Amino acid sequence: MTALPATDQAIARAAQALARGETVAFPTETVYGLGANALDASAVARVFAAKDRPRFNPLIVHVPDIATAERYATFDATARKLAEAFWPGPLSLVAPKRPDSGIADLVTAGLDTIALRAPDHPIAQKLLAATGLPLAAPSANRSGRVSPTTAAHVETELGDLPAMILDGGPCARGIESTVVRVTGDAPVLLRLGAVPREAIEAVLGSPLPLVQDGTEIASPGQLERHYAPSTPLRLDAADVREGEALLAFGPNVPEGARETVNLSASSDLQEAATNLFASLRALDACGAGTIAVMPIPDQGLGEAINDRLRRAAKAR
């Protein structure tokens, strides 16, 4: 499938395809998503099949705004506070699903909760407006692989499986949304992402604990191994070994790599997050035996970057 520039005409065609139960890849501010009508179980099944995604791993549903989200989930005061602070934007909220939501059970993996977000991307918002549908949209790649941040990445990953690929250029944020569960007495961080934990804690006025590995999967991004290139990663590398490629960070870069890509020569964590997945893809294609990864500060967006790298580095 050749990607099409996301003109108004192309968006209208994509909306018609979604209404027919087909899948469409489209850009968000985080990564490209593979969208389907979240009310149509057959359409959602096509997403799982295209990605070869395990059915116990729920999807995030994209909506235009808070009012639409509350058709499908029950938001308490904390959920509304977070949505008002960060929507539209890269924060997903896991809240109790309304019994009459109409959302296909496959979207939520049979759970009584649902993950929702309002994307901050004009093309995604135009597509939501054109369809009038909630769109279940995980990243538009094979399950467990590196997430796509350009339309070309989607073409490489999924080929002709989507009915359409809307090309909106590179994604600005470059890593997936942060996911927070708002179903109990206190919110819990389910997935580190493009909204730093500290920013959410500032709104809450309290610490935001991170869910422990091994707990029930309630959102995407909780699988132990995820976001992985084919080439093994060696983390916290202070040097380069023979035959290695190098994922660098900062101004002081060791020499001798087969190929080097610097996430940010100025040590800017937002720039590094934006470049992460595209850089992993580039180094994965260079033929190195291993990708050495320089240390990245584990603070702010660095916490999410390191989460992605750790999961990508897990042994097969």
C-alpha atoms as a PDB file:
ATOM      1  CA  MET A   1       0.000   0.000   0.000  1.00  0.00           C
ATOM      2  CA  THR A   2       1.461   3.341  -1.086  1.00  0.00           C
ATOM      3  CA  ALA A   3       0.857   6.118   1.404  1.00  0.00           C
ATOM      4  CA  LEU A   4      -1.244   9.064   0.293  1.00  0.00           C
ATOM      5  CA  PRO A   5      -0.768  12.677   1.362  1.00  0.00           C
ATOM      6  CA  ALA A   6      -3.421  13.383   3.985  1.00  0.00           C
ATOM      7  CA  THR A   7      -5.477  15.854   1.988  1.00  0.00           C
ATOM      8  CA  ASP A   8      -9.100  16.533   2.898  1.00  0.00           C
ATOM      9  CA  GLN A   9     -10.134  14.293  -0.005  1.00  0.00           C
ATOM     10  CA  ALA A  10      -7.912  11.447   1.211  1.00  0.00           C
ATOM     11  CA  ILE A  11      -9.214  11.832   4.768  1.00  0.00           C
ATOM     12  CA  ALA A  12     -12.792  11.608   3.458  1.00  0.00           C
ATOM     13  CA  ARG A  13     -11.909   8.393   1.600  1.00  0.00           C
ATOM     14  CA  ALA A  14     -10.248   7.013   4.720  1.00  0.00           C
ATOM     15  CA  ALA A  15     -13.369   7.776   6.758  1.00  0.00           C
ATOM     16  CA  GLN A  16     -15.486   5.856   4.242  1.00  0.00           C
ATOM     17  CA  ALA A  17     -13.099   2.886   4.463  1.00  0.00           C
ATOM     18  CA  LEU A  18     -13.345   2.890   8.268  1.00  0.00           C
ATOM     19  CA  ALA A  19     -17.136   3.024   8.086  1.00  0.00           C
ATOM     20  CA  ARG A  20     -17.038  -0.073   5.846  1.00  0.00           C
ATOM     21  CA  GLY A  21     -15.074  -1.959   8.505  1.00  0.00           C
ATOM     22  CA  GLU A  22     -11.630  -1.612   6.925  1.00  0.00           C
ATOM     23  CA  THR A  23      -8.429  -0.486   8.628  1.00  0.00           C
ATOM     24  CA  VAL A  24      -6.586   2.785   7.991  1.00  0.00           C
ATOM     25  CA  ALA A  25      -3.127   3.876   9.150  1.00  0.00           C
ATOM     26  CA  PHE A  26      -2.903   7.514  10.195  1.00  0.00           C
ATOM     27  CA  PRO A  27      -0.500   9.822  12.012  1.00  0.00           C
ATOM     28  CA  THR A  28      -0.802  11.030  15.580  1.00  0.00           C
ATOM     29  CA  GLU A  29       1.603  13.235  17.501  1.00  0.00           C
ATOM     30  CA  THR A  30       3.109  10.100  19.083  1.00  0.00           C
ATOM     31  CA  VAL A  31       3.385   7.338  16.424  1.00  0.00           C
ATOM     32  CA  TYR A  32       1.338   6.170  13.434  1.00  0.00           C
ATOM     33  CA  GLY A  33      -1.735   4.176  14.407  1.00  0.00           C
ATOM     34  CA  LEU A  34      -3.635   1.405  12.648  1.00  0.00           C
ATOM     35  CA  GLY A  35      -7.237   2.433  13.156  1.00  0.00           C
ATOM     36  CA  ALA A  36     -10.551   0.590  13.017  1.00  0.00           C
ATOM     37  CA  ASN A  37     -14.103   1.295  14.124  1.00  0.00           C
ATOM     38  CA  ALA A  38     -14.026   0.377  17.819  1.00  0.00           C
ATOM     39  CA  LEU A  39     -17.752  -0.476  17.692  1.00  0.00           C
ATOM     40  CA  ASP A  40     -17.216  -3.142  14.990  1.00  0.00           C
ATOM     41  CA  ALA A  41     -15.753  -6.416  16.307  1.00  0.00           C
ATOM     42  CA  SER A  42     -14.885  -7.681  12.821  1.00  0.00           C
ATOM     43  CA  ALA A  43     -13.004  -4.490  12.003  1.00  0.00           C
ATOM     44  CA  VAL A  44     -11.092  -4.664  15.285  1.00  0.00           C
ATOM     45  CA  ALA A  45     -10.213  -8.303  14.555  1.00  0.00           C
ATOM     46  CA  ARG A  46      -8.557  -7.115  11.329  1.00  0.00           C
ATOM     47  CA  VAL A  47      -6.263  -4.884  13.398  1.00  0.00           C
ATOM     48  CA  PHE A  48      -5.194  -7.809  15.599  1.00  0.00           C
ATOM     49  CA  ALA A  49      -4.646  -9.992  12.527  1.00  0.00           C
ATOM     50  CA  ALA A  50      -2.613  -7.350  10.664  1.00  0.00           C
ATOM     51  CA  LYS A  51      -0.358  -6.818  13.666  1.00  0.00           C
ATOM     52  CA  ASP A  52      -0.276 -10.490  14.732  1.00  0.00           C
ATOM     53  CA  ARG A  53      -1.154  -9.043  18.133  1.00  0.00           C
ATOM     54  CA  PRO A  54      -2.105 -11.248  21.097  1.00  0.00           C
ATOM     55  CA  ARG A  55      -5.785 -10.800  21.904  1.00  0.00           C
ATOM     56  CA  PHE A  56      -5.169 -10.383  25.625  1.00  0.00           C
ATOM     57  CA  ASN A  57      -3.431  -7.053  24.874  1.00  0.00           C
ATOM     58  CA  PRO A  58      -6.102  -4.290  24.847  1.00  0.00           C
ATOM     59  CA  LEU A  59      -6.214  -1.332  22.464  1.00  0.00           C
ATOM     60  CA  ILE A  60      -6.440   2.418  23.030  1.00  0.00           C
ATOM     61  CA  VAL A  61      -9.563   4.084  21.637  1.00  0.00           C
ATOM     62  CA  HIS A  62      -9.080   7.507  20.055  1.00  0.00           C
ATOM     63  CA  VAL A  63     -11.806  10.124  20.480  1.00  0.00           C
ATOM     64  CA  PRO A  64     -11.922  13.845  19.720  1.00  0.00           C
ATOM     65  CA  ASP A  65     -12.602  15.194  23.216  1.00  0.00           C
ATOM     66  CA  ILE A  66     -13.642  14.588  26.822  1.00  0.00           C
ATOM     67  CA  ALA A  67     -17.379  14.684  26.095  1.00  0.00           C
ATOM     68  CA  THR A  68     -17.037  11.883  23.563  1.00  0.00           C
ATOM     69  CA  ALA A  69     -14.805   9.861  25.896  1.00  0.00           C
ATOM     70  CA  GLU A  70     -17.512   9.959  28.571  1.00  0.00           C
ATOM     71  CA  ARG A  71     -19.916   8.161  26.221  1.00  0.00           C
ATOM     72  CA  TYR A  72     -17.718   5.099  26.559  1.00  0.00           C
ATOM     73  CA  ALA A  73     -16.217   5.377  30.057  1.00  0.00           C
ATOM     74  CA  THR A  74     -17.094   6.702  33.486  1.00  0.00           C
ATOM     75  CA  PHE A  75     -14.743   9.536  34.392  1.00  0.00           C
ATOM     76  CA  ASP A  76     -14.325  10.504  38.031  1.00  0.00           C
ATOM     77  CA  ALA A  77     -12.946  13.868  39.176  1.00  0.00           C
ATOM     78  CA  THR A  78      -9.340  12.689  38.797  1.00  0.00           C
ATOM     79  CA  ALA A  79      -9.901  11.448  35.250  1.00  0.00           C
ATOM     80  CA  ARG A  80     -11.525  14.727  34.248  1.00  0.00           C
ATOM     81  CA  LYS A  81      -8.733  16.723  35.874  1.00  0.00           C
ATOM     82  CA  LEU A  82      -6.090  14.833  33.891  1.00  0.00           C
ATOM     83  CA  ALA A  83      -8.049  14.993  30.639  1.00  0.00           C
ATOM     84  CA  GLU A  84      -8.564  18.728  31.032  1.00  0.00           C
ATOM     85  CA  ALA A  85      -4.864  19.219  31.685  1.00  0.00           C
ATOM     86  CA  PHE A  86      -3.448  17.034  28.901  1.00  0.00           C
ATOM     87  CA  TRP A  87      -6.094  16.578  26.182  1.00  0.00           C
ATOM     88  CA  PRO A  88      -5.770  16.751  23.317  1.00  0.00           C
ATOM     89  CA  GLY A  89      -2.376  15.181  23.806  1.00  0.00           C
ATOM     90  CA  PRO A  90      -0.307  12.062  24.450  1.00  0.00           C
ATOM     91  CA  LEU A  91      -1.998  10.865  27.652  1.00  0.00           C
ATOM     92  CA  SER A  92      -4.261   7.803  27.665  1.00  0.00           C
ATOM     93  CA  LEU A  93      -6.645   7.159  30.550  1.00  0.00           C
ATOM     94  CA  VAL A  94      -7.859   3.707  31.594  1.00  0.00           C
ATOM     95  CA  ALA A  95     -11.292   4.135  33.182  1.00  0.00           C
ATOM     96  CA  PRO A  96     -14.347   1.939  33.887  1.00  0.00           C
ATOM     97  CA  LYS A  97     -16.122   1.041  30.639  1.00  0.00           C
ATOM     98  CA  ARG A  98     -19.804   1.941  30.468  1.00  0.00           C
ATOM     99  CA  PRO A  99     -21.959  -1.199  30.146  1.00  0.00           C
ATOM    100  CA  ASP A 100     -23.844   0.417  27.253  1.00  0.00           C
ATOM    101  CA  SER A 101     -20.728   1.739  25.494  1.00  0.00           C
ATOM    102  CA  GLY A 102     -21.111  -0.448  22.412  1.00  0.00           C
ATOM    103  CA  ILE A 103     -17.325  -0.873  22.288  1.00  0.00           C
ATOM    104  CA  ALA A 104     -16.345  -4.307  20.968  1.00  0.00           C
ATOM    105  CA  ASP A 105     -15.135  -6.632  23.721  1.00  0.00           C
ATOM    106  CA  LEU A 106     -12.025  -7.415  21.661  1.00  0.00           C
ATOM    107  CA  VAL A 107     -10.896  -3.774  22.062  1.00  0.00           C
ATOM    108  CA  THR A 108     -10.730  -4.109  25.840  1.00  0.00           C
ATOM    109  CA  ALA A 109      -9.600  -7.764  25.899  1.00  0.00           C
ATOM    110  CA  GLY A 110     -12.778  -8.536  27.802  1.00  0.00           C
ATOM    111  CA  LEU A 111     -11.868  -6.235  30.698  1.00  0.00           C
ATOM    112  CA  ASP A 112     -14.373  -3.911  32.375  1.00  0.00           C
ATOM    113  CA  THR A 113     -12.057  -0.963  31.701  1.00  0.00           C
ATOM    114  CA  ILE A 114     -11.250   0.965  28.529  1.00  0.00           C
ATOM    115  CA  ALA A 115      -8.219   3.044  27.494  1.00  0.00           C
ATOM    116  CA  LEU A 116      -9.081   6.356  25.828  1.00  0.00           C
ATOM    117  CA  ARG A 117      -7.218   9.367  24.504  1.00  0.00           C
ATOM    118  CA  ALA A 118      -7.802  12.478  22.396  1.00  0.00           C
ATOM    119  CA  PRO A 119      -4.875  12.850  19.963  1.00  0.00           C
ATOM    120  CA  ASP A 120      -3.220  16.223  19.389  1.00  0.00           C
ATOM    121  CA  HIS A 121      -2.723  15.929  15.637  1.00  0.00           C
ATOM    122  CA  PRO A 122      -4.795  17.774  13.026  1.00  0.00           C
ATOM    123  CA  ILE A 123      -5.039  14.768  10.698  1.00  0.00           C
ATOM    124  CA  ALA A 124      -6.152  12.435  13.469  1.00  0.00           C
ATOM    125  CA  GLN A 125      -8.722  14.975  14.618  1.00  0.00           C
ATOM    126  CA  LYS A 126     -10.013  15.497  11.070  1.00  0.00           C
ATOM    127  CA  LEU A 127     -10.334  11.745  10.619  1.00  0.00           C
ATOM    128  CA  LEU A 128     -12.259  11.401  13.898  1.00  0.00           C
ATOM    129  CA  ALA A 129     -14.572  14.214  12.833  1.00  0.00           C
ATOM    130  CA  ALA A 130     -15.110  12.715   9.375  1.00  0.00           C
ATOM    131  CA  THR A 131     -15.980   9.273  10.742  1.00  0.00           C
ATOM    132  CA  GLY A 132     -17.898  10.254  13.857  1.00  0.00           C
ATOM    133  CA  LEU A 133     -16.569   6.946  15.258  1.00  0.00           C
ATOM    134  CA  PRO A 134     -14.326   5.956  18.153  1.00  0.00           C
ATOM    135  CA  LEU A 135     -11.176   4.548  16.554  1.00  0.00           C
ATOM    136  CA  ALA A 136      -9.272   1.692  18.163  1.00  0.00           C
ATOM    137  CA  ALA A 137      -5.721   2.361  17.006  1.00  0.00           C
ATOM    138  CA  PRO A 138      -2.571   0.642  18.232  1.00  0.00           C
ATOM    139  CA  SER A 139       0.759   1.452  16.594  1.00  0.00           C
ATOM    140  CA  ALA A 140       0.809   0.515  12.893  1.00  0.00           C
ATOM    141  CA  ASN A 141       3.500  -2.182  13.074  1.00  0.00           C
ATOM    142  CA  ARG A 142       3.860  -5.902  13.686  1.00  0.00           C
ATOM    143  CA  SER A 143       3.360  -6.724  17.336  1.00  0.00           C
ATOM    144  CA  GLY A 144       6.523  -6.354  19.409  1.00  0.00           C
ATOM    145  CA  ARG A 145       8.393  -4.489  16.678  1.00  0.00           C
ATOM    146  CA  VAL A 146       9.674  -0.916  16.591  1.00  0.00           C
ATOM    147  CA  SER A 147       6.792   1.558  16.382  1.00  0.00           C
ATOM    148  CA  PRO A 148       6.413   3.595  13.148  1.00  0.00           C
ATOM    149  CA  THR A 149       6.949   7.352  13.139  1.00  0.00           C
ATOM    150  CA  THR A 150       6.642   7.891   9.369  1.00  0.00           C
ATOM    151  CA  ALA A 151       4.268   6.605   6.698  1.00  0.00           C
ATOM    152  CA  ALA A 152       7.211   4.804   5.065  1.00  0.00           C
ATOM    153  CA  HIS A 153       7.707   2.803   8.276  1.00  0.00           C
ATOM    154  CA  VAL A 154       4.064   1.697   8.070  1.00  0.00           C
ATOM    155  CA  GLU A 155       4.504   0.606   4.440  1.00  0.00           C
ATOM    156  CA  THR A 156       7.549  -1.451   5.437  1.00  0.00           C
ATOM    157  CA  GLU A 157       5.772  -3.071   8.378  1.00  0.00           C
ATOM    158  CA  LEU A 158       2.273  -3.716   7.048  1.00  0.00           C
ATOM    159  CA  GLY A 159       2.418  -3.483   3.250  1.00  0.00           C
ATOM    160  CA  ASP A 160      -1.044  -3.806   1.712  1.00  0.00           C
ATOM    161  CA  LEU A 161      -2.841  -4.797   4.926  1.00  0.00           C
ATOM    162  CA  PRO A 162      -4.356  -1.343   5.642  1.00  0.00           C
ATOM    163  CA  ALA A 163      -6.969  -0.124   3.174  1.00  0.00           C
ATOM    164  CA  MET A 164      -5.172   3.243   3.239  1.00  0.00           C
ATOM    165  CA  ILE A 165      -2.116   4.907   4.772  1.00  0.00           C
ATOM    166  CA  LEU A 166      -2.489   8.633   5.384  1.00  0.00           C
ATOM    167  CA  ASP A 167       0.879  10.387   5.203  1.00  0.00           C
ATOM    168  CA  GLY A 168       1.179  13.295   7.608  1.00  0.00           C
ATOM    169  CA  GLY A 169       4.971  13.425   7.790  1.00  0.00           C
ATOM    170  CA  PRO A 170       7.128  12.441  10.780  1.00  0.00           C
ATOM    171  CA  CYS A 171       5.483  12.254  14.209  1.00  0.00           C
ATOM    172  CA  ALA A 172       6.442  15.115  16.512  1.00  0.00           C
ATOM    173  CA  ARG A 173       6.616  13.232  19.835  1.00  0.00           C
ATOM    174  CA  GLY A 174       8.059   9.951  18.586  1.00  0.00           C
ATOM    175  CA  ILE A 175       7.060   7.658  21.479  1.00  0.00           C
ATOM    176  CA  GLU A 176       3.663   6.385  22.516  1.00  0.00           C
ATOM    177  CA  SER A 177       1.260   8.015  24.932  1.00  0.00           C
ATOM    178  CA  THR A 178       1.635   7.770  28.669  1.00  0.00           C
ATOM    179  CA  VAL A 179      -1.100   5.530  30.139  1.00  0.00           C
ATOM    180  CA  VAL A 180      -2.635   6.179  33.570  1.00  0.00           C
ATOM    181  CA  ARG A 181      -5.275   3.995  35.241  1.00  0.00           C
ATOM    182  CA  VAL A 182      -7.978   6.019  37.007  1.00  0.00           C
ATOM    183  CA  THR A 183     -10.177   3.231  38.333  1.00  0.00           C
ATOM    184  CA  GLY A 184      -9.366   3.021  42.038  1.00  0.00           C
ATOM    185  CA  ASP A 185      -8.656   5.227  45.011  1.00  0.00           C
ATOM    186  CA  ALA A 186      -5.448   6.585  43.475  1.00  0.00           C
ATOM    187  CA  PRO A 187      -4.203   6.729  39.863  1.00  0.00           C
ATOM    188  CA  VAL A 188      -1.481   4.312  38.715  1.00  0.00           C
ATOM    189  CA  LEU A 189       1.007   4.727  35.866  1.00  0.00           C
ATOM    190  CA  LEU A 190       0.606   1.758  33.487  1.00  0.00           C
ATOM    191  CA  ARG A 191       2.962   2.901  30.717  1.00  0.00           C
ATOM    192  CA  LEU A 192       5.663   5.538  30.625  1.00  0.00           C
ATOM    193  CA  GLY A 193       5.328   7.733  27.570  1.00  0.00           C
ATOM    194  CA  ALA A 194       5.345  11.134  25.928  1.00  0.00           C
ATOM    195  CA  VAL A 195       3.938  12.965  28.972  1.00  0.00           C
ATOM    196  CA  PRO A 196       6.614  12.780  31.689  1.00  0.00           C
ATOM    197  CA  ARG A 197       5.578  11.346  35.040  1.00  0.00           C
ATOM    198  CA  GLU A 198       6.574  14.608  36.768  1.00  0.00           C
ATOM    199  CA  ALA A 199       4.106  16.624  34.671  1.00  0.00           C
ATOM    200  CA  ILE A 200       1.234  14.354  35.726  1.00  0.00           C
ATOM    201  CA  GLU A 201       2.308  14.418  39.366  1.00  0.00           C
ATOM    202  CA  ALA A 202       2.310  18.226  39.241  1.00  0.00           C
ATOM    203  CA  VAL A 203      -1.349  18.193  38.184  1.00  0.00           C
ATOM    204  CA  LEU A 204      -2.312  15.514  40.707  1.00  0.00           C
ATOM    205  CA  GLY A 205      -0.356  17.087  43.537  1.00  0.00           C
ATOM    206  CA  SER A 206       0.791  13.624  44.632  1.00  0.00           C
ATOM    207  CA  PRO A 207       3.206  10.862  43.563  1.00  0.00           C
ATOM    208  CA  LEU A 208       2.180   8.615  40.663  1.00  0.00           C
ATOM    209  CA  PRO A 209       3.324   5.021  41.279  1.00  0.00           C
ATOM    210  CA  LEU A 210       4.368   2.851  38.353  1.00  0.00           C
ATOM    211  CA  VAL A 211       2.588  -0.491  38.006  1.00  0.00           C
ATOM    212  CA  GLN A 212       4.737  -3.486  38.846  1.00  0.00           C
ATOM    213  CA  ASP A 213       5.786  -5.888  36.087  1.00  0.00           C
ATOM    214  CA  GLY A 214       3.783  -9.102  36.077  1.00  0.00           C
ATOM    215  CA  THR A 215       0.443  -7.541  37.010  1.00  0.00           C
ATOM    216  CA  GLU A 216      -2.651  -8.010  34.847  1.00  0.00           C
ATOM    217  CA  ILE A 217      -2.293  -6.331  31.464  1.00  0.00           C
ATOM    218  CA  ALA A 218      -4.743  -3.426  31.356  1.00  0.00           C
ATOM    219  CA  SER A 219      -3.151  -1.320  28.617  1.00  0.00           C
ATOM    220  CA  PRO A 220      -0.728  -1.521  25.707  1.00  0.00           C
ATOM    221  CA  GLY A 221       2.985  -1.304  26.514  1.00  0.00           C
ATOM    222  CA  GLN A 222       2.940  -3.694  29.473  1.00  0.00           C
ATOM    223  CA  LEU A 223       4.381  -6.695  27.627  1.00  0.00           C
ATOM    224  CA  GLU A 224       7.832  -7.582  28.933  1.00  0.00           C
ATOM    225  CA  ARG A 225       9.410  -7.546  25.462  1.00  0.00           C
ATOM    226  CA  HIS A 226       8.241  -4.860  23.060  1.00  0.00           C
ATOM    227  CA  TYR A 227       9.426  -2.103  20.671  1.00  0.00           C
ATOM    228  CA  ALA A 228      12.223  -4.402  19.470  1.00  0.00           C
ATOM    229  CA  PRO A 229      14.431  -4.289  16.375  1.00  0.00           C
ATOM    230  CA  SER A 230      15.761  -7.556  14.959  1.00  0.00           C
ATOM    231  CA  THR A 231      19.321  -6.651  16.026  1.00  0.00           C
ATOM    232  CA  PRO A 232      20.103  -7.235  19.731  1.00  0.00           C
ATOM    233  CA  LEU A 233      20.719  -4.186  21.923  1.00  0.00           C
ATOM    234  CA  ARG A 234      23.538  -3.682  24.446  1.00  0.00           C
ATOM    235  CA  LEU A 235      22.460  -0.999  26.907  1.00  0.00           C
ATOM    236  CA  ASP A 236      24.505   1.558  28.879  1.00  0.00           C
ATOM    237  CA  ALA A 237      27.464   1.147  26.549  1.00  0.00           C
ATOM    238  CA  ALA A 238      30.540   3.251  27.328  1.00  0.00           C
ATOM    239  CA  ASP A 239      32.467   1.933  24.310  1.00  0.00           C
ATOM    240  CA  VAL A 240      31.929   0.317  20.929  1.00  0.00           C
ATOM    241  CA  ARG A 241      32.887  -3.285  20.245  1.00  0.00           C
ATOM    242  CA  GLU A 242      33.867  -4.773  16.915  1.00  0.00           C
ATOM    243  CA  GLY A 243      30.971  -4.998  14.454  1.00  0.00           C
ATOM    244  CA  GLU A 244      28.586  -2.924  16.571  1.00  0.00           C
ATOM    245  CA  ALA A 245      26.413  -0.021  15.536  1.00  0.00           C
ATOM    246  CA  LEU A 246      25.971   2.811  18.032  1.00  0.00           C
ATOM    247  CA  LEU A 247      22.860   4.589  19.253  1.00  0.00           C
ATOM    248  CA  ALA A 248      24.494   7.664  20.729  1.00  0.00           C
ATOM    249  CA  PHE A 249      23.299  10.416  23.057  1.00  0.00           C
ATOM    250  CA  GLY A 250      25.061  13.678  23.813  1.00  0.00           C
ATOM    251  CA  PRO A 251      28.200  15.368  22.481  1.00  0.00           C
ATOM    252  CA  ASN A 252      30.833  12.820  23.563  1.00  0.00           C
ATOM    253  CA  VAL A 253      30.503   9.873  21.197  1.00  0.00           C
ATOM    254  CA  PRO A 254      32.946   6.932  21.128  1.00  0.00           C
ATOM    255  CA  GLU A 255      34.440   6.054  17.756  1.00  0.00           C
ATOM    256  CA  GLY A 256      34.699   2.779  15.902  1.00  0.00           C
ATOM    257  CA  ALA A 257      31.032   1.933  15.260  1.00  0.00           C
ATOM    258  CA  ARG A 258      29.915   0.323  12.024  1.00  0.00           C
ATOM    259  CA  GLU A 259      27.298   3.074  11.917  1.00  0.00           C
ATOM    260  CA  THR A 260      26.335   5.772  14.428  1.00  0.00           C
ATOM    261  CA  VAL A 261      23.060   7.610  14.934  1.00  0.00           C
ATOM    262  CA  ASN A 262      22.909  10.274  17.647  1.00  0.00           C
ATOM    263  CA  LEU A 263      19.502  10.704  19.283  1.00  0.00           C
ATOM    264  CA  SER A 264      20.493  14.223  20.352  1.00  0.00           C
ATOM    265  CA  ALA A 265      23.982  15.700  20.163  1.00  0.00           C
ATOM    266  CA  SER A 266      22.806  18.468  22.522  1.00  0.00           C
ATOM    267  CA  SER A 267      21.451  15.965  25.097  1.00  0.00           C
ATOM    268  CA  ASP A 268      17.856  17.147  24.542  1.00  0.00           C
ATOM    269  CA  LEU A 269      15.496  14.432  25.788  1.00  0.00           C
ATOM    270  CA  GLN A 270      12.541  15.597  23.677  1.00  0.00           C
ATOM    271  CA  GLU A 271      14.698  15.447  20.547  1.00  0.00           C
ATOM    272  CA  ALA A 272      15.912  12.007  21.626  1.00  0.00           C
ATOM    273  CA  ALA A 273      12.352  10.746  22.135  1.00  0.00           C
ATOM    274  CA  THR A 274      11.290  12.073  18.733  1.00  0.00           C
ATOM    275  CA  ASN A 275      14.224  10.322  17.051  1.00  0.00           C
ATOM    276  CA  LEU A 276      14.221   7.049  19.030  1.00  0.00           C
ATOM    277  CA  PHE A 277      12.217   4.656  16.865  1.00  0.00           C
ATOM    278  CA  ALA A 278      13.431   6.001  13.505  1.00  0.00           C
ATOM    279  CA  SER A 279      17.023   5.701  14.770  1.00  0.00           C
ATOM    280  CA  LEU A 280      16.513   2.105  15.904  1.00  0.00           C
ATOM    281  CA  ARG A 281      15.074   1.254  12.497  1.00  0.00           C
ATOM    282  CA  ALA A 282      18.035   2.844  10.699  1.00  0.00           C
ATOM    283  CA  LEU A 283      20.607   0.969  12.792  1.00  0.00           C
ATOM    284  CA  ASP A 284      18.644  -2.275  12.500  1.00  0.00           C
ATOM    285  CA  ALA A 285      19.093  -2.079   8.721  1.00  0.00           C
ATOM    286  CA  CYS A 286      22.872  -1.478   8.722  1.00  0.00           C
ATOM    287  CA  GLY A 287      23.913  -5.110   9.193  1.00  0.00           C
ATOM    288  CA  ALA A 288      25.590  -4.788  12.594  1.00  0.00           C
ATOM    289  CA  GLY A 289      25.666  -7.759  14.946  1.00  0.00           C
ATOM    290  CA  THR A 290      24.649  -5.624  17.937  1.00  0.00           C
ATOM    291  CA  ILE A 291      23.424  -2.086  18.574  1.00  0.00           C
ATOM    292  CA  ALA A 292      25.319  -0.497  21.467  1.00  0.00           C
ATOM    293  CA  VAL A 293      23.229   2.112  23.285  1.00  0.00           C
ATOM    294  CA  MET A 294      24.835   4.941  25.245  1.00  0.00           C
ATOM    295  CA  PRO A 295      23.383   5.797  28.687  1.00  0.00           C
ATOM    296  CA  ILE A 296      20.406   8.161  28.762  1.00  0.00           C
ATOM    297  CA  PRO A 297      19.424  10.075  31.913  1.00  0.00           C
ATOM    298  CA  ASP A 298      16.536   8.317  33.661  1.00  0.00           C
ATOM    299  CA  GLN A 299      14.508  11.459  34.309  1.00  0.00           C
ATOM    300  CA  GLY A 300      11.736  13.325  32.507  1.00  0.00           C
ATOM    301  CA  LEU A 301      11.241  11.838  29.051  1.00  0.00           C
ATOM    302  CA  GLY A 302      14.410   9.815  29.619  1.00  0.00           C
ATOM    303  CA  GLU A 303      12.353   7.542  31.877  1.00  0.00           C
ATOM    304  CA  ALA A 304      10.104   6.603  28.938  1.00  0.00           C
ATOM    305  CA  ILE A 305      13.019   6.290  26.511  1.00  0.00           C
ATOM    306  CA  ASN A 306      14.807   3.900  28.877  1.00  0.00           C
ATOM    307  CA  ASP A 307      11.596   1.910  29.355  1.00  0.00           C
ATOM    308  CA  ARG A 308      11.369   1.363  25.592  1.00  0.00           C
ATOM    309  CA  LEU A 309      15.045   0.417  25.353  1.00  0.00           C
ATOM    310  CA  ARG A 310      14.864  -2.042  28.255  1.00  0.00           C
ATOM    311  CA  ARG A 311      11.852  -3.801  26.771  1.00  0.00           C
ATOM    312  CA  ALA A 312      13.496  -3.863  23.334  1.00  0.00           C
ATOM    313  CA  ALA A 313      16.637  -5.392  24.807  1.00  0.00           C
ATOM    314  CA  LYS A 314      14.880  -8.302  26.539  1.00  0.00           C
ATOM    315  CA  ALA A 315      16.186 -11.665  25.350  1.00  0.00           C
ATOM    316  CA  ARG A 316      13.941 -13.468  22.899  1.00  0.00           C
END
